Amino acid sequence: METRRSFNGKLLGSLMAYGLIETLYTQDLFADKVKPVVHQWMCDLQALCKDVKDQKIKDLVFQAKLEELYRKVNLTELIQLLNLDALAKRVKFPERGAASLGVDLSKVEGLPKGVVFGKQIFACGKDRSIVPHGHDNMCTGFIVLRGDFQGKHYERVEDHKDHYLIRPTIDRVFKPGECSTISDHKDNVHWFKAISATGFVFNIHVLNYNPENKNPTGRVYVDPVGEKTKDGLIVAKKMSSKECHHKYG
């Protein structure tokens, strides 16, 4: 009895001989084999973000699952999907801080038009930073697409009118394919500085997921190089975006 493999091989050979491959691909008969896995990865990302947005999972669970999802992605396919090469050719790196580049996911099969997560690519020249800042009522995650970054995270221990008390949690080099995440309850202040000629990270964020946080949703810029308390915490003064970019951008 002929095996399925040999039958498929003969079929494929016949189709090639008769020029029918393109026709069958167009009709979606080989879709499962041909479509990039990254399309399904994006749909999984949407489902995960919707779960935390709808409060079906806690933000700490979201962070763990997002990091797991980032580790599974085929980085080459993700870069192609995001059209990074074309973006990198025309990006204008700012003198300070990072450029924010829009991302078009409209061609991702199976992804709804109105995704629940925001998305962008941050691009930095050497020694330029995604400046230190915290978030309120926002989950977010980075994955490095290209280049190396010195990445630092801090835990927000106490909030005060003009400063946070923060504790360092992460300080290491992040290379392509590596990721980090933030929520209201873990590693809530971060700072990424490009240490290669250029650096690009893909960022997603979910807003207004935590009804217990009554602060305005968004960034809070801080100075993480402040005086230390006797408990080893850092007094991180709140800053304006302009001040923060001038000092750390």
C-alpha atoms as a PDB file:
ATOM      1  CA  MET A   1       0.000   0.000   0.000  1.00  0.00           C
ATOM      2  CA  GLU A   2       1.310   3.426  -0.950  1.00  0.00           C
ATOM      3  CA  THR A   3       2.199   5.658   1.995  1.00  0.00           C
ATOM      4  CA  ARG A   4       0.699   9.094   2.461  1.00  0.00           C
ATOM      5  CA  ARG A   5       4.172  10.646   2.152  1.00  0.00           C
ATOM      6  CA  SER A   6       4.901   9.016  -1.196  1.00  0.00           C
ATOM      7  CA  PHE A   7       1.404   9.872  -2.470  1.00  0.00           C
ATOM      8  CA  ASN A   8       1.800  13.521  -1.467  1.00  0.00           C
ATOM      9  CA  GLY A   9       5.227  13.600  -3.054  1.00  0.00           C
ATOM     10  CA  LYS A  10       3.863  12.324  -6.359  1.00  0.00           C
ATOM     11  CA  LEU A  11       0.931  14.735  -6.173  1.00  0.00           C
ATOM     12  CA  LEU A  12       3.237  17.676  -5.531  1.00  0.00           C
ATOM     13  CA  GLY A  13       5.438  16.623  -8.428  1.00  0.00           C
ATOM     14  CA  SER A  14       2.472  16.400 -10.757  1.00  0.00           C
ATOM     15  CA  LEU A  15       1.177  19.785  -9.687  1.00  0.00           C
ATOM     16  CA  MET A  16       4.578  21.347 -10.290  1.00  0.00           C
ATOM     17  CA  ALA A  17       4.665  19.764 -13.732  1.00  0.00           C
ATOM     18  CA  TYR A  18       1.276  21.185 -14.613  1.00  0.00           C
ATOM     19  CA  GLY A  19       1.851  24.601 -13.019  1.00  0.00           C
ATOM     20  CA  LEU A  20      -0.972  24.200 -10.530  1.00  0.00           C
ATOM     21  CA  ILE A  21       0.859  25.042  -7.312  1.00  0.00           C
ATOM     22  CA  GLU A  22      -0.084  28.706  -7.466  1.00  0.00           C
ATOM     23  CA  THR A  23      -3.734  27.864  -8.101  1.00  0.00           C
ATOM     24  CA  LEU A  24      -3.939  25.574  -5.088  1.00  0.00           C
ATOM     25  CA  TYR A  25      -2.159  28.082  -2.856  1.00  0.00           C
ATOM     26  CA  THR A  26      -4.606  30.775  -3.925  1.00  0.00           C
ATOM     27  CA  GLN A  27      -7.506  28.486  -3.055  1.00  0.00           C
ATOM     28  CA  ASP A  28      -6.004  27.992   0.420  1.00  0.00           C
ATOM     29  CA  LEU A  29      -5.573  24.224   0.040  1.00  0.00           C
ATOM     30  CA  PHE A  30      -2.006  24.389   1.347  1.00  0.00           C
ATOM     31  CA  ALA A  31      -2.689  27.206   3.814  1.00  0.00           C
ATOM     32  CA  ASP A  32      -1.713  25.324   6.966  1.00  0.00           C
ATOM     33  CA  LYS A  33       1.706  24.518   5.515  1.00  0.00           C
ATOM     34  CA  VAL A  34       2.445  27.878   3.927  1.00  0.00           C
ATOM     35  CA  LYS A  35       1.054  30.574   6.235  1.00  0.00           C
ATOM     36  CA  PRO A  36       3.668  31.934   8.625  1.00  0.00           C
ATOM     37  CA  VAL A  37       3.380  30.780  12.202  1.00  0.00           C
ATOM     38  CA  VAL A  38       3.768  34.393  13.316  1.00  0.00           C
ATOM     39  CA  HIS A  39       0.176  35.119  12.198  1.00  0.00           C
ATOM     40  CA  GLN A  40      -1.135  32.648  14.769  1.00  0.00           C
ATOM     41  CA  TRP A  41       1.332  34.093  17.279  1.00  0.00           C
ATOM     42  CA  MET A  42      -0.242  37.524  16.804  1.00  0.00           C
ATOM     43  CA  CYS A  43      -3.698  36.050  17.346  1.00  0.00           C
ATOM     44  CA  ASP A  44      -2.462  34.418  20.555  1.00  0.00           C
ATOM     45  CA  LEU A  45      -1.106  37.809  21.615  1.00  0.00           C
ATOM     46  CA  GLN A  46      -4.509  39.402  21.007  1.00  0.00           C
ATOM     47  CA  ALA A  47      -6.264  36.692  23.046  1.00  0.00           C
ATOM     48  CA  LEU A  48      -3.863  37.134  25.960  1.00  0.00           C
ATOM     49  CA  CYS A  49      -4.223  40.920  25.957  1.00  0.00           C
ATOM     50  CA  LYS A  50      -8.001  40.613  25.827  1.00  0.00           C
ATOM     51  CA  ASP A  51      -7.945  38.318  28.851  1.00  0.00           C
ATOM     52  CA  VAL A  52      -6.115  40.852  31.002  1.00  0.00           C
ATOM     53  CA  LYS A  53      -8.174  43.735  29.609  1.00  0.00           C
ATOM     54  CA  ASP A  54     -11.378  41.866  30.525  1.00  0.00           C
ATOM     55  CA  GLN A  55      -9.907  40.988  33.952  1.00  0.00           C
ATOM     56  CA  LYS A  56     -10.095  37.259  33.275  1.00  0.00           C
ATOM     57  CA  ILE A  57      -6.493  36.919  34.428  1.00  0.00           C
ATOM     58  CA  LYS A  58      -4.370  38.910  36.883  1.00  0.00           C
ATOM     59  CA  ASP A  59      -1.608  41.152  35.611  1.00  0.00           C
ATOM     60  CA  LEU A  60       1.144  38.990  37.139  1.00  0.00           C
ATOM     61  CA  VAL A  61      -0.227  36.000  35.211  1.00  0.00           C
ATOM     62  CA  PHE A  62      -0.356  38.175  32.103  1.00  0.00           C
ATOM     63  CA  GLN A  63       3.305  39.113  32.504  1.00  0.00           C
ATOM     64  CA  ALA A  64       4.373  35.492  32.850  1.00  0.00           C
ATOM     65  CA  LYS A  65       2.304  34.381  29.859  1.00  0.00           C
ATOM     66  CA  LEU A  66       3.449  37.337  27.713  1.00  0.00           C
ATOM     67  CA  GLU A  67       7.095  36.562  28.402  1.00  0.00           C
ATOM     68  CA  GLU A  68       6.423  32.914  27.554  1.00  0.00           C
ATOM     69  CA  LEU A  69       4.760  33.988  24.304  1.00  0.00           C
ATOM     70  CA  TYR A  70       7.632  36.317  23.413  1.00  0.00           C
ATOM     71  CA  ARG A  71      10.116  33.467  23.935  1.00  0.00           C
ATOM     72  CA  LYS A  72       8.177  31.293  21.487  1.00  0.00           C
ATOM     73  CA  VAL A  73       8.082  33.741  18.595  1.00  0.00           C
ATOM     74  CA  ASN A  74      10.147  33.189  15.452  1.00  0.00           C
ATOM     75  CA  LEU A  75      12.118  36.433  15.536  1.00  0.00           C
ATOM     76  CA  THR A  76      12.919  36.394  11.814  1.00  0.00           C
ATOM     77  CA  GLU A  77       9.237  36.048  10.922  1.00  0.00           C
ATOM     78  CA  LEU A  78       8.246  38.767  13.382  1.00  0.00           C
ATOM     79  CA  ILE A  79      10.811  41.157  11.893  1.00  0.00           C
ATOM     80  CA  GLN A  80       9.482  40.430   8.413  1.00  0.00           C
ATOM     81  CA  LEU A  81       5.870  40.883   9.509  1.00  0.00           C
ATOM     82  CA  LEU A  82       6.675  44.234  11.133  1.00  0.00           C
ATOM     83  CA  ASN A  83       8.566  45.320   7.998  1.00  0.00           C
ATOM     84  CA  LEU A  84      11.514  46.311  10.154  1.00  0.00           C
ATOM     85  CA  ASP A  85      14.062  46.552   7.340  1.00  0.00           C
ATOM     86  CA  ALA A  86      12.006  49.184   5.520  1.00  0.00           C
ATOM     87  CA  LEU A  87      11.322  51.093   8.732  1.00  0.00           C
ATOM     88  CA  ALA A  88      14.998  51.039   9.695  1.00  0.00           C
ATOM     89  CA  LYS A  89      16.016  52.554   6.347  1.00  0.00           C
ATOM     90  CA  ARG A  90      13.830  55.615   6.762  1.00  0.00           C
ATOM     91  CA  VAL A  91      13.794  56.154  10.526  1.00  0.00           C
ATOM     92  CA  LYS A  92      15.040  59.507  11.766  1.00  0.00           C
ATOM     93  CA  PHE A  93      16.697  58.963  15.114  1.00  0.00           C
ATOM     94  CA  PRO A  94      16.029  61.849  17.500  1.00  0.00           C
ATOM     95  CA  GLU A  95      18.891  63.647  19.203  1.00  0.00           C
ATOM     96  CA  ARG A  96      17.526  62.412  22.509  1.00  0.00           C
ATOM     97  CA  GLY A  97      15.205  59.586  23.377  1.00  0.00           C
ATOM     98  CA  ALA A  98      13.616  57.079  21.023  1.00  0.00           C
ATOM     99  CA  ALA A  99      11.669  57.338  17.796  1.00  0.00           C
ATOM    100  CA  SER A 100       8.219  55.725  17.937  1.00  0.00           C
ATOM    101  CA  LEU A 101       7.291  53.943  14.715  1.00  0.00           C
ATOM    102  CA  GLY A 102       3.791  52.841  13.805  1.00  0.00           C
ATOM    103  CA  VAL A 103       3.034  49.173  13.152  1.00  0.00           C
ATOM    104  CA  ASP A 104       0.517  47.907  10.572  1.00  0.00           C
ATOM    105  CA  LEU A 105      -1.061  44.578  11.504  1.00  0.00           C
ATOM    106  CA  SER A 106      -3.978  44.816   9.088  1.00  0.00           C
ATOM    107  CA  LYS A 107      -2.679  41.927   6.965  1.00  0.00           C
ATOM    108  CA  VAL A 108      -2.386  39.462   9.815  1.00  0.00           C
ATOM    109  CA  GLU A 109      -4.852  36.670   9.074  1.00  0.00           C
ATOM    110  CA  GLY A 110      -7.367  36.008  11.824  1.00  0.00           C
ATOM    111  CA  LEU A 111      -6.576  39.184  13.756  1.00  0.00           C
ATOM    112  CA  PRO A 112      -9.575  41.478  14.384  1.00  0.00           C
ATOM    113  CA  LYS A 113      -9.354  45.010  13.050  1.00  0.00           C
ATOM    114  CA  GLY A 114      -9.764  46.507  16.511  1.00  0.00           C
ATOM    115  CA  VAL A 115      -7.035  44.841  18.562  1.00  0.00           C
ATOM    116  CA  VAL A 116      -7.104  45.511  22.293  1.00  0.00           C
ATOM    117  CA  PHE A 117      -3.402  46.295  22.547  1.00  0.00           C
ATOM    118  CA  GLY A 118      -1.431  49.308  21.430  1.00  0.00           C
ATOM    119  CA  LYS A 119       1.729  48.604  19.497  1.00  0.00           C
ATOM    120  CA  GLN A 120       4.807  50.367  18.187  1.00  0.00           C
ATOM    121  CA  ILE A 121       8.487  49.951  17.499  1.00  0.00           C
ATOM    122  CA  PHE A 122      10.896  52.076  19.491  1.00  0.00           C
ATOM    123  CA  ALA A 123      14.142  52.926  17.694  1.00  0.00           C
ATOM    124  CA  CYS A 124      17.251  54.332  19.387  1.00  0.00           C
ATOM    125  CA  GLY A 125      20.679  55.397  18.233  1.00  0.00           C
ATOM    126  CA  LYS A 126      23.727  54.437  20.270  1.00  0.00           C
ATOM    127  CA  ASP A 127      23.636  55.746  23.857  1.00  0.00           C
ATOM    128  CA  ARG A 128      20.062  56.999  23.397  1.00  0.00           C
ATOM    129  CA  SER A 129      17.319  55.758  25.699  1.00  0.00           C
ATOM    130  CA  ILE A 130      13.737  54.811  26.153  1.00  0.00           C
ATOM    131  CA  VAL A 131      13.928  57.072  29.168  1.00  0.00           C
ATOM    132  CA  PRO A 132      13.157  55.939  32.744  1.00  0.00           C
ATOM    133  CA  HIS A 133       9.463  55.990  33.489  1.00  0.00           C
ATOM    134  CA  GLY A 134       6.723  54.149  35.322  1.00  0.00           C
ATOM    135  CA  HIS A 135       3.139  53.397  34.317  1.00  0.00           C
ATOM    136  CA  ASP A 136      -0.299  53.620  35.821  1.00  0.00           C
ATOM    137  CA  ASN A 137      -3.079  51.219  34.862  1.00  0.00           C
ATOM    138  CA  MET A 138      -1.035  49.811  32.015  1.00  0.00           C
ATOM    139  CA  CYS A 139       0.503  46.430  31.195  1.00  0.00           C
ATOM    140  CA  THR A 140       3.293  46.552  28.658  1.00  0.00           C
ATOM    141  CA  GLY A 141       5.995  44.330  27.204  1.00  0.00           C
ATOM    142  CA  PHE A 142       9.134  44.743  25.087  1.00  0.00           C
ATOM    143  CA  ILE A 143      10.922  42.295  22.825  1.00  0.00           C
ATOM    144  CA  VAL A 144      14.251  43.330  21.312  1.00  0.00           C
ATOM    145  CA  LEU A 145      14.159  43.009  17.527  1.00  0.00           C
ATOM    146  CA  ARG A 146      17.655  44.234  16.687  1.00  0.00           C
ATOM    147  CA  GLY A 147      20.625  45.615  18.595  1.00  0.00           C
ATOM    148  CA  ASP A 148      21.572  45.452  22.273  1.00  0.00           C
ATOM    149  CA  PHE A 149      20.116  47.405  25.187  1.00  0.00           C
ATOM    150  CA  GLN A 150      21.128  47.953  28.785  1.00  0.00           C
ATOM    151  CA  GLY A 151      17.804  47.329  30.480  1.00  0.00           C
ATOM    152  CA  LYS A 152      16.880  48.319  34.009  1.00  0.00           C
ATOM    153  CA  HIS A 153      13.700  47.702  35.973  1.00  0.00           C
ATOM    154  CA  TYR A 154      12.586  48.910  39.375  1.00  0.00           C
ATOM    155  CA  GLU A 155       9.779  48.009  41.747  1.00  0.00           C
ATOM    156  CA  ARG A 156       7.527  50.891  42.841  1.00  0.00           C
ATOM    157  CA  VAL A 157       7.375  50.437  46.597  1.00  0.00           C
ATOM    158  CA  GLU A 158       5.669  53.701  47.577  1.00  0.00           C
ATOM    159  CA  ASP A 159       4.020  56.549  45.669  1.00  0.00           C
ATOM    160  CA  HIS A 160       4.344  60.115  46.920  1.00  0.00           C
ATOM    161  CA  LYS A 161       3.295  63.440  45.487  1.00  0.00           C
ATOM    162  CA  ASP A 162       6.675  64.346  44.021  1.00  0.00           C
ATOM    163  CA  HIS A 163       8.558  61.034  44.035  1.00  0.00           C
ATOM    164  CA  TYR A 164       8.435  57.258  44.137  1.00  0.00           C
ATOM    165  CA  LEU A 165      10.401  55.004  46.412  1.00  0.00           C
ATOM    166  CA  ILE A 166      11.758  52.330  44.083  1.00  0.00           C
ATOM    167  CA  ARG A 167      13.845  49.163  44.437  1.00  0.00           C
ATOM    168  CA  PRO A 168      16.137  47.926  41.612  1.00  0.00           C
ATOM    169  CA  THR A 169      15.061  44.525  40.293  1.00  0.00           C
ATOM    170  CA  ILE A 170      16.730  44.036  36.876  1.00  0.00           C
ATOM    171  CA  ASP A 171      19.975  45.410  35.442  1.00  0.00           C
ATOM    172  CA  ARG A 172      21.409  43.530  32.471  1.00  0.00           C
ATOM    173  CA  VAL A 173      22.032  43.539  28.744  1.00  0.00           C
ATOM    174  CA  PHE A 174      19.041  42.581  26.582  1.00  0.00           C
ATOM    175  CA  LYS A 175      19.856  41.053  23.194  1.00  0.00           C
ATOM    176  CA  PRO A 176      17.620  40.287  20.164  1.00  0.00           C
ATOM    177  CA  GLY A 177      14.776  37.980  21.114  1.00  0.00           C
ATOM    178  CA  GLU A 178      14.919  38.852  24.813  1.00  0.00           C
ATOM    179  CA  CYS A 179      11.990  40.539  26.523  1.00  0.00           C
ATOM    180  CA  SER A 180      10.697  42.258  29.634  1.00  0.00           C
ATOM    181  CA  THR A 181       7.264  43.198  30.964  1.00  0.00           C
ATOM    182  CA  ILE A 182       5.584  45.685  33.295  1.00  0.00           C
ATOM    183  CA  SER A 183       2.359  45.864  35.267  1.00  0.00           C
ATOM    184  CA  ASP A 184       1.008  47.869  38.188  1.00  0.00           C
ATOM    185  CA  HIS A 185       2.267  45.136  40.500  1.00  0.00           C
ATOM    186  CA  LYS A 186       5.679  44.089  39.167  1.00  0.00           C
ATOM    187  CA  ASP A 187       8.769  45.837  37.757  1.00  0.00           C
ATOM    188  CA  ASN A 188       6.781  49.004  37.186  1.00  0.00           C
ATOM    189  CA  VAL A 189       9.610  51.392  36.261  1.00  0.00           C
ATOM    190  CA  HIS A 190      11.919  50.664  33.332  1.00  0.00           C
ATOM    191  CA  TRP A 191      14.758  52.254  31.378  1.00  0.00           C
ATOM    192  CA  PHE A 192      16.348  50.912  28.199  1.00  0.00           C
ATOM    193  CA  LYS A 193      19.526  52.376  26.695  1.00  0.00           C
ATOM    194  CA  ALA A 194      20.901  51.294  23.296  1.00  0.00           C
ATOM    195  CA  ILE A 195      24.497  50.124  23.594  1.00  0.00           C
ATOM    196  CA  SER A 196      24.867  49.046  19.952  1.00  0.00           C
ATOM    197  CA  ALA A 197      24.983  51.359  16.917  1.00  0.00           C
ATOM    198  CA  THR A 198      21.192  51.212  16.698  1.00  0.00           C
ATOM    199  CA  GLY A 199      18.496  49.334  18.577  1.00  0.00           C
ATOM    200  CA  PHE A 200      14.868  48.421  17.884  1.00  0.00           C
ATOM    201  CA  VAL A 201      12.245  46.977  20.239  1.00  0.00           C
ATOM    202  CA  PHE A 202       8.660  45.924  19.574  1.00  0.00           C
ATOM    203  CA  ASN A 203       6.322  47.127  22.305  1.00  0.00           C
ATOM    204  CA  ILE A 204       2.729  46.254  23.109  1.00  0.00           C
ATOM    205  CA  HIS A 205       0.604  47.772  25.853  1.00  0.00           C
ATOM    206  CA  VAL A 206      -2.856  47.270  27.341  1.00  0.00           C
ATOM    207  CA  LEU A 207      -4.503  50.328  28.911  1.00  0.00           C
ATOM    208  CA  ASN A 208      -7.150  50.624  31.610  1.00  0.00           C
ATOM    209  CA  TYR A 209      -6.962  47.037  32.772  1.00  0.00           C
ATOM    210  CA  ASN A 210      -6.893  47.730  36.523  1.00  0.00           C
ATOM    211  CA  PRO A 211     -10.040  49.367  37.982  1.00  0.00           C
ATOM    212  CA  GLU A 212      -8.334  49.603  41.392  1.00  0.00           C
ATOM    213  CA  ASN A 213      -5.807  52.119  40.062  1.00  0.00           C
ATOM    214  CA  LYS A 214      -7.481  55.528  40.073  1.00  0.00           C
ATOM    215  CA  ASN A 215      -4.462  57.433  38.720  1.00  0.00           C
ATOM    216  CA  PRO A 216      -4.571  58.748  35.158  1.00  0.00           C
ATOM    217  CA  THR A 217      -3.452  56.073  32.708  1.00  0.00           C
ATOM    218  CA  GLY A 218      -0.051  56.699  31.172  1.00  0.00           C
ATOM    219  CA  ARG A 219       3.626  57.333  31.842  1.00  0.00           C
ATOM    220  CA  VAL A 220       5.189  58.933  34.887  1.00  0.00           C
ATOM    221  CA  TYR A 221       8.781  60.050  34.241  1.00  0.00           C
ATOM    222  CA  VAL A 222      11.206  59.583  37.119  1.00  0.00           C
ATOM    223  CA  ASP A 223      14.843  60.071  38.040  1.00  0.00           C
ATOM    224  CA  PRO A 224      16.132  56.645  39.132  1.00  0.00           C
ATOM    225  CA  VAL A 225      19.528  57.998  40.197  1.00  0.00           C
ATOM    226  CA  GLY A 226      18.370  59.572  43.433  1.00  0.00           C
ATOM    227  CA  GLU A 227      19.482  59.370  47.027  1.00  0.00           C
ATOM    228  CA  LYS A 228      19.079  56.086  48.845  1.00  0.00           C
ATOM    229  CA  THR A 229      17.158  55.479  52.036  1.00  0.00           C
ATOM    230  CA  LYS A 230      18.521  53.417  54.923  1.00  0.00           C
ATOM    231  CA  ASP A 231      16.487  50.481  53.568  1.00  0.00           C
ATOM    232  CA  GLY A 232      18.297  50.666  50.226  1.00  0.00           C
ATOM    233  CA  LEU A 233      15.370  52.178  48.334  1.00  0.00           C
ATOM    234  CA  ILE A 234      15.906  54.968  45.807  1.00  0.00           C
ATOM    235  CA  VAL A 235      14.104  58.301  46.099  1.00  0.00           C
ATOM    236  CA  ALA A 236      13.086  58.690  42.445  1.00  0.00           C
ATOM    237  CA  LYS A 237      11.811  62.210  41.862  1.00  0.00           C
ATOM    238  CA  LYS A 238       9.021  62.637  39.342  1.00  0.00           C
ATOM    239  CA  MET A 239      10.052  64.595  36.245  1.00  0.00           C
ATOM    240  CA  SER A 240       8.480  66.119  33.180  1.00  0.00           C
ATOM    241  CA  SER A 241       9.046  64.372  29.857  1.00  0.00           C
ATOM    242  CA  LYS A 242      11.288  67.245  28.774  1.00  0.00           C
ATOM    243  CA  GLU A 243      13.416  67.057  31.915  1.00  0.00           C
ATOM    244  CA  CYS A 244      13.733  63.306  31.685  1.00  0.00           C
ATOM    245  CA  HIS A 245      14.717  63.309  28.003  1.00  0.00           C
ATOM    246  CA  HIS A 246      17.225  66.094  28.585  1.00  0.00           C
ATOM    247  CA  LYS A 247      18.947  64.137  31.366  1.00  0.00           C
ATOM    248  CA  TYR A 248      18.570  60.542  30.184  1.00  0.00           C
ATOM    249  CA  GLY A 249      17.499  60.605  26.540  1.00  0.00           C
END
